[in-house]
Amino acid sequence: RPSQVEIRDVLPGWCALAVEPEVFHVGGPCETDTALCLAV
């Protein structure tokens, strides 16, 4: 569930490691101002 918010605009150091599209994904309705990062 991709959003329109670019990772580079909020967490610039992390955008190089993000997969396309390099945007925040809407993880759910709880604490939407909290960022969670999952990596493989």
PDB file of all heavy atoms in Angstrom:
ATOM      1  N   ARG A   1       0.856  -1.189   0.000  1.00  0.00           N
ATOM      2  CA  ARG A   1       0.000   0.000   0.000  1.00  0.00           C
ATOM      3  C   ARG A   1       0.892   1.239   0.000  1.00  0.00           C
ATOM      4  O   ARG A   1       1.055   1.916   1.007  1.00  0.00           O
ATOM      5  CB  ARG A   1      -0.894  -0.034   1.236  1.00  0.00           C
ATOM      6  CG  ARG A   1      -2.153   0.793   1.071  1.00  0.00           C
ATOM      7  CD  ARG A   1      -3.022   0.689   2.294  1.00  0.00           C
ATOM      8  NE  ARG A   1      -4.194  -0.108   2.022  1.00  0.00           N
ATOM      9  CZ  ARG A   1      -5.127  -0.379   2.927  1.00  0.00           C
ATOM     10  NH1 ARG A   1      -5.015   0.068   4.162  1.00  0.00           N
ATOM     11  NH2 ARG A   1      -6.172  -1.078   2.613  1.00  0.00           N
ATOM     12  N   PRO A   2       1.494   1.553  -1.166  1.00  0.00           N
ATOM     13  CA  PRO A   2       2.407   2.701  -1.240  1.00  0.00           C
ATOM     14  C   PRO A   2       1.686   4.025  -1.023  1.00  0.00           C
ATOM     15  O   PRO A   2       0.535   4.178  -1.411  1.00  0.00           O
ATOM     16  CB  PRO A   2       2.986   2.623  -2.657  1.00  0.00           C
ATOM     17  CG  PRO A   2       2.086   1.724  -3.424  1.00  0.00           C
ATOM     18  CD  PRO A   2       1.358   0.853  -2.447  1.00  0.00           C
ATOM     19  N   SER A   3       2.391   4.965  -0.395  1.00  0.00           N
ATOM     20  CA  SER A   3       1.857   6.318  -0.202  1.00  0.00           C
ATOM     21  C   SER A   3       2.537   7.248  -1.205  1.00  0.00           C
ATOM     22  O   SER A   3       3.301   6.794  -2.057  1.00  0.00           O
ATOM     23  CB  SER A   3       2.149   6.794   1.228  1.00  0.00           C
ATOM     24  OG  SER A   3       3.514   7.167   1.344  1.00  0.00           O
ATOM     25  N   GLN A   4       2.284   8.530  -1.072  1.00  0.00           N
ATOM     26  CA  GLN A   4       2.943   9.524  -1.934  1.00  0.00           C
ATOM     27  C   GLN A   4       4.184  10.113  -1.263  1.00  0.00           C
ATOM     28  O   GLN A   4       4.863  10.944  -1.849  1.00  0.00           O
ATOM     29  CB  GLN A   4       1.959  10.668  -2.243  1.00  0.00           C
ATOM     30  CG  GLN A   4       0.684  10.206  -2.939  1.00  0.00           C
ATOM     31  CD  GLN A   4       0.956   9.545  -4.275  1.00  0.00           C
ATOM     32  OE1 GLN A   4       1.685  10.067  -5.107  1.00  0.00           O
ATOM     33  NE2 GLN A   4       0.395   8.363  -4.476  1.00  0.00           N
ATOM     34  N   VAL A   5       4.477   9.699  -0.025  1.00  0.00           N
ATOM     35  CA  VAL A   5       5.573  10.299   0.737  1.00  0.00           C
ATOM     36  C   VAL A   5       6.896   9.610   0.396  1.00  0.00           C
ATOM     37  O   VAL A   5       7.062   8.411   0.615  1.00  0.00           O
ATOM     38  CB  VAL A   5       5.301  10.203   2.260  1.00  0.00           C
ATOM     39  CG1 VAL A   5       6.438  10.846   3.044  1.00  0.00           C
ATOM     40  CG2 VAL A   5       3.966  10.846   2.607  1.00  0.00           C
ATOM     41  N   GLU A   6       7.809  10.388  -0.147  1.00  0.00           N
ATOM     42  CA  GLU A   6       9.127   9.865  -0.545  1.00  0.00           C
ATOM     43  C   GLU A   6       9.993   9.626   0.700  1.00  0.00           C
ATOM     44  O   GLU A   6      10.067  10.497   1.574  1.00  0.00           O
ATOM     45  CB  GLU A   6       9.846  10.868  -1.456  1.00  0.00           C
ATOM     46  CG  GLU A   6       9.098  11.206  -2.723  1.00  0.00           C
ATOM     47  CD  GLU A   6       9.344  10.219  -3.841  1.00  0.00           C
ATOM     48  OE1 GLU A   6      10.322   9.442  -3.764  1.00  0.00           O
ATOM     49  OE2 GLU A   6       8.544  10.222  -4.795  1.00  0.00           O
ATOM     50  N   ILE A   7      10.667   8.488   0.741  1.00  0.00           N
ATOM     51  CA  ILE A   7      11.560   8.180   1.864  1.00  0.00           C
ATOM     52  C   ILE A   7      12.669   9.231   1.952  1.00  0.00           C
ATOM     53  O   ILE A   7      13.025   9.690   3.022  1.00  0.00           O
ATOM     54  CB  ILE A   7      12.151   6.759   1.731  1.00  0.00           C
ATOM     55  CG1 ILE A   7      11.031   5.715   1.903  1.00  0.00           C
ATOM     56  CG2 ILE A   7      13.256   6.527   2.763  1.00  0.00           C
ATOM     57  CD1 ILE A   7      11.450   4.295   1.596  1.00  0.00           C
ATOM     58  N   ARG A   8      13.176   9.668   0.800  1.00  0.00           N
ATOM     59  CA  ARG A   8      14.296  10.631   0.802  1.00  0.00           C
ATOM     60  C   ARG A   8      13.919  11.948   1.470  1.00  0.00           C
ATOM     61  O   ARG A   8      14.771  12.665   1.957  1.00  0.00           O
ATOM     62  CB  ARG A   8      14.835  10.852  -0.601  1.00  0.00           C
ATOM     63  CG  ARG A   8      13.931  11.636  -1.509  1.00  0.00           C
ATOM     64  CD  ARG A   8      14.627  12.039  -2.816  1.00  0.00           C
ATOM     65  NE  ARG A   8      13.630  12.529  -3.743  1.00  0.00           N
ATOM     66  CZ  ARG A   8      13.078  11.802  -4.709  1.00  0.00           C
ATOM     67  NH1 ARG A   8      13.455  10.546  -4.870  1.00  0.00           N
ATOM     68  NH2 ARG A   8      12.161  12.320  -5.504  1.00  0.00           N
ATOM     69  N   ASP A   9      12.619  12.276   1.481  1.00  0.00           N
ATOM     70  CA  ASP A   9      12.182  13.534   2.090  1.00  0.00           C
ATOM     71  C   ASP A   9      12.128  13.459   3.615  1.00  0.00           C
ATOM     72  O   ASP A   9      12.133  14.485   4.279  1.00  0.00           O
ATOM     73  CB  ASP A   9      10.796  13.931   1.573  1.00  0.00           C
ATOM     74  CG  ASP A   9      10.819  14.281   0.086  1.00  0.00           C
ATOM     75  OD1 ASP A   9      11.923  14.546  -0.439  1.00  0.00           O
ATOM     76  OD2 ASP A   9       9.741  14.276  -0.527  1.00  0.00           O
ATOM     77  N   VAL A  10      12.032  12.245   4.164  1.00  0.00           N
ATOM     78  CA  VAL A  10      11.866  12.084   5.609  1.00  0.00           C
ATOM     79  C   VAL A  10      13.075  11.394   6.246  1.00  0.00           C
ATOM     80  O   VAL A  10      13.540  11.795   7.306  1.00  0.00           O
ATOM     81  CB  VAL A  10      10.582  11.264   5.908  1.00  0.00           C
ATOM     82  CG1 VAL A  10      10.337  11.146   7.403  1.00  0.00           C
ATOM     83  CG2 VAL A  10       9.372  11.893   5.227  1.00  0.00           C
ATOM     84  N   LEU A  11      13.568  10.358   5.590  1.00  0.00           N
ATOM     85  CA  LEU A  11      14.704   9.576   6.094  1.00  0.00           C
ATOM     86  C   LEU A  11      15.738   9.448   4.981  1.00  0.00           C
ATOM     87  O   LEU A  11      15.945   8.372   4.421  1.00  0.00           O
ATOM     88  CB  LEU A  11      14.230   8.172   6.519  1.00  0.00           C
ATOM     89  CG  LEU A  11      13.214   8.111   7.657  1.00  0.00           C
ATOM     90  CD1 LEU A  11      12.570   6.736   7.715  1.00  0.00           C
ATOM     91  CD2 LEU A  11      13.877   8.445   8.982  1.00  0.00           C
ATOM     92  N   PRO A  12      16.403  10.563   4.620  1.00  0.00           N
ATOM     93  CA  PRO A  12      17.248  10.572   3.423  1.00  0.00           C
ATOM     94  C   PRO A  12      18.333   9.502   3.399  1.00  0.00           C
ATOM     95  O   PRO A  12      18.636   8.972   2.344  1.00  0.00           O
ATOM     96  CB  PRO A  12      17.847  11.981   3.404  1.00  0.00           C
ATOM     97  CG  PRO A  12      17.579  12.574   4.742  1.00  0.00           C
ATOM     98  CD  PRO A  12      16.414  11.846   5.322  1.00  0.00           C
ATOM     99  N   GLY A  13      18.879   9.153   4.542  1.00  0.00           N
ATOM    100  CA  GLY A  13      19.944   8.154   4.562  1.00  0.00           C
ATOM    101  C   GLY A  13      19.493   6.763   4.161  1.00  0.00           C
ATOM    102  O   GLY A  13      20.304   5.933   3.748  1.00  0.00           O
ATOM    103  N   TRP A  14      18.202   6.499   4.271  1.00  0.00           N
ATOM    104  CA  TRP A  14      17.696   5.144   4.039  1.00  0.00           C
ATOM    105  C   TRP A  14      17.207   4.904   2.617  1.00  0.00           C
ATOM    106  O   TRP A  14      16.981   3.766   2.222  1.00  0.00           O
ATOM    107  CB  TRP A  14      16.569   4.845   5.030  1.00  0.00           C
ATOM    108  CG  TRP A  14      17.085   4.753   6.429  1.00  0.00           C
ATOM    109  CD1 TRP A  14      17.075   5.740   7.376  1.00  0.00           C
ATOM    110  CD2 TRP A  14      17.729   3.645   7.037  1.00  0.00           C
ATOM    111  NE1 TRP A  14      17.670   5.300   8.534  1.00  0.00           N
ATOM    112  CE2 TRP A  14      18.081   4.018   8.353  1.00  0.00           C
ATOM    113  CE3 TRP A  14      18.059   2.372   6.601  1.00  0.00           C
ATOM    114  CZ2 TRP A  14      18.736   3.164   9.232  1.00  0.00           C
ATOM    115  CZ3 TRP A  14      18.711   1.503   7.465  1.00  0.00           C
ATOM    116  CH2 TRP A  14      19.050   1.910   8.771  1.00  0.00           C
ATOM    117  N   CYS A  15      17.041   5.957   1.809  1.00  0.00           N
ATOM    118  CA  CYS A  15      16.433   5.748   0.492  1.00  0.00           C
ATOM    119  C   CYS A  15      17.290   4.888  -0.429  1.00  0.00           C
ATOM    120  O   CYS A  15      16.768   4.179  -1.275  1.00  0.00           O
ATOM    121  CB  CYS A  15      16.023   7.057  -0.159  1.00  0.00           C
ATOM    122  SG  CYS A  15      17.359   8.177  -0.499  1.00  0.00           S
ATOM    123  N   ALA A  16      18.614   4.899  -0.257  1.00  0.00           N
ATOM    124  CA  ALA A  16      19.483   4.091  -1.120  1.00  0.00           C
ATOM    125  C   ALA A  16      19.275   2.591  -0.892  1.00  0.00           C
ATOM    126  O   ALA A  16      19.529   1.793  -1.794  1.00  0.00           O
ATOM    127  CB  ALA A  16      20.946   4.453  -0.881  1.00  0.00           C
ATOM    128  N   LEU A  17      18.806   2.215   0.288  1.00  0.00           N
ATOM    129  CA  LEU A  17      18.600   0.795   0.594  1.00  0.00           C
ATOM    130  C   LEU A  17      17.169   0.343   0.310  1.00  0.00           C
ATOM    131  O   LEU A  17      16.877  -0.849   0.300  1.00  0.00           O
ATOM    132  CB  LEU A  17      18.928   0.527   2.071  1.00  0.00           C
ATOM    133  CG  LEU A  17      20.387   0.747   2.480  1.00  0.00           C
ATOM    134  CD1 LEU A  17      20.544   0.670   3.989  1.00  0.00           C
ATOM    135  CD2 LEU A  17      21.288  -0.269   1.804  1.00  0.00           C
ATOM    136  N   ALA A  18      16.272   1.303   0.077  1.00  0.00           N
ATOM    137  CA  ALA A  18      14.864   0.968  -0.140  1.00  0.00           C
ATOM    138  C   ALA A  18      14.651   0.414  -1.545  1.00  0.00           C
ATOM    139  O   ALA A  18      15.319   0.815  -2.491  1.00  0.00           O
ATOM    140  CB  ALA A  18      13.999   2.212   0.065  1.00  0.00           C
ATOM    141  N   VAL A  19      13.697  -0.520  -1.650  1.00  0.00           N
ATOM    142  CA  VAL A  19      13.337  -1.047  -2.958  1.00  0.00           C
ATOM    143  C   VAL A  19      12.269  -0.138  -3.578  1.00  0.00           C
ATOM    144  O   VAL A  19      11.595   0.614  -2.886  1.00  0.00           O
ATOM    145  CB  VAL A  19      12.815  -2.506  -2.866  1.00  0.00           C
ATOM    146  CG1 VAL A  19      13.918  -3.442  -2.408  1.00  0.00           C
ATOM    147  CG2 VAL A  19      11.601  -2.621  -1.969  1.00  0.00           C
ATOM    148  N   GLU A  20      12.133  -0.207  -4.901  1.00  0.00           N
ATOM    149  CA  GLU A  20      11.123   0.587  -5.614  1.00  0.00           C
ATOM    150  C   GLU A  20       9.726   0.173  -5.183  1.00  0.00           C
ATOM    151  O   GLU A  20       9.516  -1.007  -4.941  1.00  0.00           O
ATOM    152  CB  GLU A  20      11.270   0.362  -7.127  1.00  0.00           C
ATOM    153  CG  GLU A  20      12.552   0.910  -7.704  1.00  0.00           C
ATOM    154  CD  GLU A  20      12.501   2.410  -7.945  1.00  0.00           C
ATOM    155  OE1 GLU A  20      11.387   2.935  -8.124  1.00  0.00           O
ATOM    156  OE2 GLU A  20      13.554   3.034  -7.933  1.00  0.00           O
ATOM    157  N   PRO A  21       8.763   1.043  -5.133  1.00  0.00           N
ATOM    158  CA  PRO A  21       8.939   2.488  -5.164  1.00  0.00           C
ATOM    159  C   PRO A  21       9.493   2.981  -3.835  1.00  0.00           C
ATOM    160  O   PRO A  21       9.134   2.438  -2.794  1.00  0.00           O
ATOM    161  CB  PRO A  21       7.521   2.996  -5.407  1.00  0.00           C
ATOM    162  CG  PRO A  21       6.630   1.956  -4.796  1.00  0.00           C
ATOM    163  CD  PRO A  21       7.369   0.654  -4.982  1.00  0.00           C
ATOM    164  N   GLU A  22      10.370   3.955  -3.882  1.00  0.00           N
ATOM    165  CA  GLU A  22      11.067   4.427  -2.675  1.00  0.00           C
ATOM    166  C   GLU A  22      10.202   5.406  -1.891  1.00  0.00           C
ATOM    167  O   GLU A  22      10.563   6.559  -1.686  1.00  0.00           O
ATOM    168  CB  GLU A  22      12.413   5.034  -3.067  1.00  0.00           C
ATOM    169  CG  GLU A  22      13.357   4.006  -3.638  1.00  0.00           C
ATOM    170  CD  GLU A  22      14.541   4.608  -4.359  1.00  0.00           C
ATOM    171  OE1 GLU A  22      14.694   5.843  -4.373  1.00  0.00           O
ATOM    172  OE2 GLU A  22      15.324   3.827  -4.926  1.00  0.00           O
ATOM    173  N   VAL A  23       9.031   4.909  -1.477  1.00  0.00           N
ATOM    174  CA  VAL A  23       8.069   5.710  -0.725  1.00  0.00           C
ATOM    175  C   VAL A  23       7.688   4.965   0.553  1.00  0.00           C
ATOM    176  O   VAL A  23       7.908   3.761   0.668  1.00  0.00           O
ATOM    177  CB  VAL A  23       6.783   5.985  -1.547  1.00  0.00           C
ATOM    178  CG1 VAL A  23       7.093   6.826  -2.776  1.00  0.00           C
ATOM    179  CG2 VAL A  23       6.086   4.690  -1.927  1.00  0.00           C
ATOM    180  N   PHE A  24       7.127   5.704   1.488  1.00  0.00           N
ATOM    181  CA  PHE A  24       6.555   5.064   2.665  1.00  0.00           C
ATOM    182  C   PHE A  24       5.359   4.240   2.219  1.00  0.00           C
ATOM    183  O   PHE A  24       4.628   4.639   1.309  1.00  0.00           O
ATOM    184  CB  PHE A  24       6.070   6.113   3.679  1.00  0.00           C
ATOM    185  CG  PHE A  24       7.147   6.664   4.553  1.00  0.00           C
ATOM    186  CD1 PHE A  24       8.008   7.650   4.088  1.00  0.00           C
ATOM    187  CD2 PHE A  24       7.312   6.199   5.848  1.00  0.00           C
ATOM    188  CE1 PHE A  24       9.008   8.165   4.894  1.00  0.00           C
ATOM    189  CE2 PHE A  24       8.306   6.717   6.659  1.00  0.00           C
ATOM    190  CZ  PHE A  24       9.159   7.694   6.189  1.00  0.00           C
ATOM    191  N   HIS A  25       5.161   3.100   2.844  1.00  0.00           N
ATOM    192  CA  HIS A  25       3.973   2.295   2.616  1.00  0.00           C
ATOM    193  C   HIS A  25       3.065   2.475   3.830  1.00  0.00           C
ATOM    194  O   HIS A  25       3.553   2.619   4.948  1.00  0.00           O
ATOM    195  CB  HIS A  25       4.339   0.827   2.407  1.00  0.00           C
ATOM    196  CG  HIS A  25       4.798   0.545   1.018  1.00  0.00           C
ATOM    197  ND1 HIS A  25       5.891   1.155   0.456  1.00  0.00           N
ATOM    198  CD2 HIS A  25       4.279  -0.243   0.060  1.00  0.00           C
ATOM    199  CE1 HIS A  25       6.042   0.721  -0.791  1.00  0.00           C
ATOM    200  NE2 HIS A  25       5.070  -0.122  -1.055  1.00  0.00           N
ATOM    201  N   VAL A  26       1.765   2.473   3.606  1.00  0.00           N
ATOM    202  CA  VAL A  26       0.817   2.646   4.696  1.00  0.00           C
ATOM    203  C   VAL A  26       0.688   1.304   5.410  1.00  0.00           C
ATOM    204  O   VAL A  26       0.075   0.372   4.902  1.00  0.00           O
ATOM    205  CB  VAL A  26      -0.553   3.125   4.167  1.00  0.00           C
ATOM    206  CG1 VAL A  26      -1.529   3.312   5.322  1.00  0.00           C
ATOM    207  CG2 VAL A  26      -0.386   4.419   3.384  1.00  0.00           C
ATOM    208  N   GLY A  27       1.314   1.203   6.578  1.00  0.00           N
ATOM    209  CA  GLY A  27       1.366  -0.061   7.310  1.00  0.00           C
ATOM    210  C   GLY A  27       0.101  -0.392   8.073  1.00  0.00           C
ATOM    211  O   GLY A  27      -0.112  -1.534   8.459  1.00  0.00           O
ATOM    212  N   GLY A  28      -0.729   0.594   8.295  1.00  0.00           N
ATOM    213  CA  GLY A  28      -1.975   0.359   9.019  1.00  0.00           C
ATOM    214  C   GLY A  28      -2.453   1.619   9.696  1.00  0.00           C
ATOM    215  O   GLY A  28      -1.792   2.660   9.642  1.00  0.00           O
ATOM    216  N   PRO A  29      -3.606   1.507  10.350  1.00  0.00           N
ATOM    217  CA  PRO A  29      -4.244   2.690  10.923  1.00  0.00           C
ATOM    218  C   PRO A  29      -3.695   3.128  12.283  1.00  0.00           C
ATOM    219  O   PRO A  29      -4.035   4.200  12.757  1.00  0.00           O
ATOM    220  CB  PRO A  29      -5.705   2.251  11.057  1.00  0.00           C
ATOM    221  CG  PRO A  29      -5.626   0.767  11.264  1.00  0.00           C
ATOM    222  CD  PRO A  29      -4.446   0.311  10.451  1.00  0.00           C
ATOM    223  N   CYS A  30      -2.854   2.330  12.913  1.00  0.00           N
ATOM    224  CA  CYS A  30      -2.345   2.663  14.248  1.00  0.00           C
ATOM    225  C   CYS A  30      -1.054   3.470  14.156  1.00  0.00           C
ATOM    226  O   CYS A  30      -0.154   3.130  13.390  1.00  0.00           O
ATOM    227  CB  CYS A  30      -2.068   1.394  15.056  1.00  0.00           C
ATOM    228  SG  CYS A  30      -3.479   0.296  15.221  1.00  0.00           S
ATOM    229  N   GLU A  31      -0.970   4.538  14.952  1.00  0.00           N
ATOM    230  CA  GLU A  31       0.247   5.359  15.052  1.00  0.00           C
ATOM    231  C   GLU A  31       0.860   5.671  13.681  1.00  0.00           C
ATOM    232  O   GLU A  31       2.015   5.353  13.420  1.00  0.00           O
ATOM    233  CB  GLU A  31       1.263   4.689  15.973  1.00  0.00           C
ATOM    234  CG  GLU A  31       0.760   4.589  17.410  1.00  0.00           C
ATOM    235  CD  GLU A  31       1.806   4.084  18.387  1.00  0.00           C
ATOM    236  OE1 GLU A  31       2.986   4.439  18.232  1.00  0.00           O
ATOM    237  OE2 GLU A  31       1.430   3.330  19.289  1.00  0.00           O
ATOM    238  N   THR A  32       0.073   6.313  12.829  1.00  0.00           N
ATOM    239  CA  THR A  32       0.510   6.571  11.454  1.00  0.00           C
ATOM    240  C   THR A  32       1.695   7.528  11.358  1.00  0.00           C
ATOM    241  O   THR A  32       2.294   7.653  10.296  1.00  0.00           O
ATOM    242  CB  THR A  32      -0.657   7.115  10.608  1.00  0.00           C
ATOM    243  OG1 THR A  32      -1.207   8.251  11.282  1.00  0.00           O
ATOM    244  CG2 THR A  32      -1.734   6.059  10.423  1.00  0.00           C
ATOM    245  N   ASP A  33       2.050   8.179  12.463  1.00  0.00           N
ATOM    246  CA  ASP A  33       3.231   9.040  12.444  1.00  0.00           C
ATOM    247  C   ASP A  33       4.484   8.277  12.879  1.00  0.00           C
ATOM    248  O   ASP A  33       5.553   8.846  13.006  1.00  0.00           O
ATOM    249  CB  ASP A  33       3.019  10.279  13.327  1.00  0.00           C
ATOM    250  CG  ASP A  33       2.638   9.915  14.758  1.00  0.00           C
ATOM    251  OD1 ASP A  33       2.320   8.731  15.028  1.00  0.00           O
ATOM    252  OD2 ASP A  33       2.652  10.816  15.612  1.00  0.00           O
ATOM    253  N   THR A  34       4.342   6.972  13.071  1.00  0.00           N
ATOM    254  CA  THR A  34       5.462   6.115  13.459  1.00  0.00           C
ATOM    255  C   THR A  34       5.989   5.388  12.225  1.00  0.00           C
ATOM    256  O   THR A  34       5.204   4.878  11.436  1.00  0.00           O
ATOM    257  CB  THR A  34       4.994   5.054  14.488  1.00  0.00           C
ATOM    258  OG1 THR A  34       4.452   5.728  15.612  1.00  0.00           O
ATOM    259  CG2 THR A  34       6.133   4.167  14.930  1.00  0.00           C
ATOM    260  N   ALA A  35       7.304   5.359  12.062  1.00  0.00           N
ATOM    261  CA  ALA A  35       7.900   4.634  10.939  1.00  0.00           C
ATOM    262  C   ALA A  35       8.450   3.298  11.425  1.00  0.00           C
ATOM    263  O   ALA A  35       9.172   3.229  12.411  1.00  0.00           O
ATOM    264  CB  ALA A  35       9.016   5.461  10.312  1.00  0.00           C
ATOM    265  N   LEU A  36       8.081   2.241  10.714  1.00  0.00           N
ATOM    266  CA  LEU A  36       8.623   0.903  10.951  1.00  0.00           C
ATOM    267  C   LEU A  36       9.356   0.512   9.684  1.00  0.00           C
ATOM    268  O   LEU A  36       8.867   0.750   8.582  1.00  0.00           O
ATOM    269  CB  LEU A  36       7.500  -0.112  11.186  1.00  0.00           C
ATOM    270  CG  LEU A  36       6.799  -0.104  12.517  1.00  0.00           C
ATOM    271  CD1 LEU A  36       5.602  -1.041  12.464  1.00  0.00           C
ATOM    272  CD2 LEU A  36       7.746  -0.547  13.609  1.00  0.00           C
ATOM    273  N   CYS A  37      10.497  -0.111   9.838  1.00  0.00           N
ATOM    274  CA  CYS A  37      11.275  -0.506   8.673  1.00  0.00           C
ATOM    275  C   CYS A  37      11.503  -2.007   8.697  1.00  0.00           C
ATOM    276  O   CYS A  37      11.994  -2.552   9.692  1.00  0.00           O
ATOM    277  CB  CYS A  37      12.605   0.231   8.674  1.00  0.00           C
ATOM    278  SG  CYS A  37      13.642  -0.193   7.271  1.00  0.00           S
ATOM    279  N   LEU A  38      11.144  -2.662   7.595  1.00  0.00           N
ATOM    280  CA  LEU A  38      11.416  -4.088   7.446  1.00  0.00           C
ATOM    281  C   LEU A  38      12.451  -4.263   6.347  1.00  0.00           C
ATOM    282  O   LEU A  38      12.351  -3.631   5.296  1.00  0.00           O
ATOM    283  CB  LEU A  38      10.151  -4.858   7.061  1.00  0.00           C
ATOM    284  CG  LEU A  38       9.107  -5.041   8.148  1.00  0.00           C
ATOM    285  CD1 LEU A  38       7.909  -5.801   7.596  1.00  0.00           C
ATOM    286  CD2 LEU A  38       9.684  -5.782   9.344  1.00  0.00           C
ATOM    287  N   ALA A  39      13.430  -5.133   6.614  1.00  0.00           N
ATOM    288  CA  ALA A  39      14.480  -5.396   5.635  1.00  0.00           C
ATOM    289  C   ALA A  39      14.639  -6.896   5.461  1.00  0.00           C
ATOM    290  O   ALA A  39      14.306  -7.678   6.351  1.00  0.00           O
ATOM    291  CB  ALA A  39      15.798  -4.790   6.105  1.00  0.00           C
ATOM    292  N   VAL A  40      15.166  -7.262   4.307  1.00  0.00           N
ATOM    293  CA  VAL A  40      15.453  -8.663   4.026  1.00  0.00           C
ATOM    294  C   VAL A  40      16.960  -8.801   3.928  1.00  0.00           C
ATOM    295  O   VAL A  40      17.630  -8.006   3.263  1.00  0.00           O
ATOM    296  CB  VAL A  40      14.776  -9.110   2.713  1.00  0.00           C
ATOM    297  CG1 VAL A  40      15.206 -10.518   2.343  1.00  0.00           C
ATOM    298  CG2 VAL A  40      13.258  -9.025   2.853  1.00  0.00           C
TER     299      VAL A  40
END
